[in-house]
Amino acid sequence: MRTLELRDVWVRYGAGKQAFDAVAAADLVVPAGKVVGLVGESGSGKSTLARVAAGLVRPSRGQVLLDGVPAGRRRGDRRVQMVFQDPQSALDPRMTVGQSLGEALTVRAREARQAATERLLLQVGLDPACARQRPHSLSGGQRQRVALARALAAEPEVVVADEITSALDVSVQGAVLNEVRDLQCELGLTMLFISHDLAVVRYISDLVAVMYLGRVVEVGATEEILARPRHPYTQALVAGAAAPAVLDGDPPDPRYPPGGCSFHPRCPAGPRLHPGRDLCQESDPHPGAPARPHRSACHFAELMPMTYDGSTYAD
């Protein structure tokens, strides 16, 4: 087991006036053997941060650490594998399932590779006969299981799963999630699990981290976050999962982020509805987050034991 830590991670895309920070000063710890669910609206930076964690995107600034050591500095510290949202594009259509898995295995002897392939397929709930098939002949759920088996073939200690059930039928999602949770427990994997579905996150995660406009705005134990969120954005997400609550407006253009708290133009607990809370417009709440409940990037986190119904707050 390894602890995965993302420390002060920035990812900038574009150049000149078109440049923007897809991820800004993101700090996140995934404890060894635990699952952290990463949630947020589309465009919040979840997938970019996931790719940084998996070593697929180089951060403009910041570090990725495994057990406190920069990733790649020590043999074995790059044992981080990613499972993607679309297994159809992640698997080579010209290769059989067995060939795809064999490519990721470290063993070279033919009989050993065959045995390892069969073991991996059984481990993810597939018939070993699938090894002779190509991806196009499998269902979406089967392809996702193959993608999971391919990640496990490298014997990782950290797995990054990016929206791996969002493209599946609801009837299949539960079975895949059960496999993922069982494998995580059985193998003691450290896992960063990205999803927009709070019900999925509640089922599979030990902790939840919430992103908004490229920054982590709240982190805590799953049940605590979902029962009593301390950031207004998290409260809105939770309310939206239970009812058709919609935040006012779209997220700001990341090229021109608001000053102070980046959420304040949409925040129902900020100066838009509460005159006098100019602090939200003037001061970034992130530096003080470690001292607040759930590391909340909200100046008024201590005053947030209330519920949000999609338009107003109530004690």
Foldseek 3Di string as FASTA:
>chain_A
DKKKWWAQFWAWDDDDLPIFTLAGGATDIQDFLFEEEEAEDPSLNQVVVLCVQLVNDPTPDTAIDINRHGQPPDPPSNLEEEQEQALVVVFDQVAQLLVLLLVLAPDDDPVVSLVLLCVLQVLLPHHSVSRRHGPVVDDRLSSSSSSVSSSCNNVGQEYEYANNPVPDDPVSSVSNLVSVQVCSNVSSHRYYYYDHQLVSCLVRGQKYWYGGLNYTFFIDGSVCCLQFNLEQSSLQSSLCNVDVADFPDDQDDSSDAAAADSCQVRGQVACVPPPPRCNRRHHFQQVVQVVAVRSGRDPCSVVRRWHDNRHHTDD
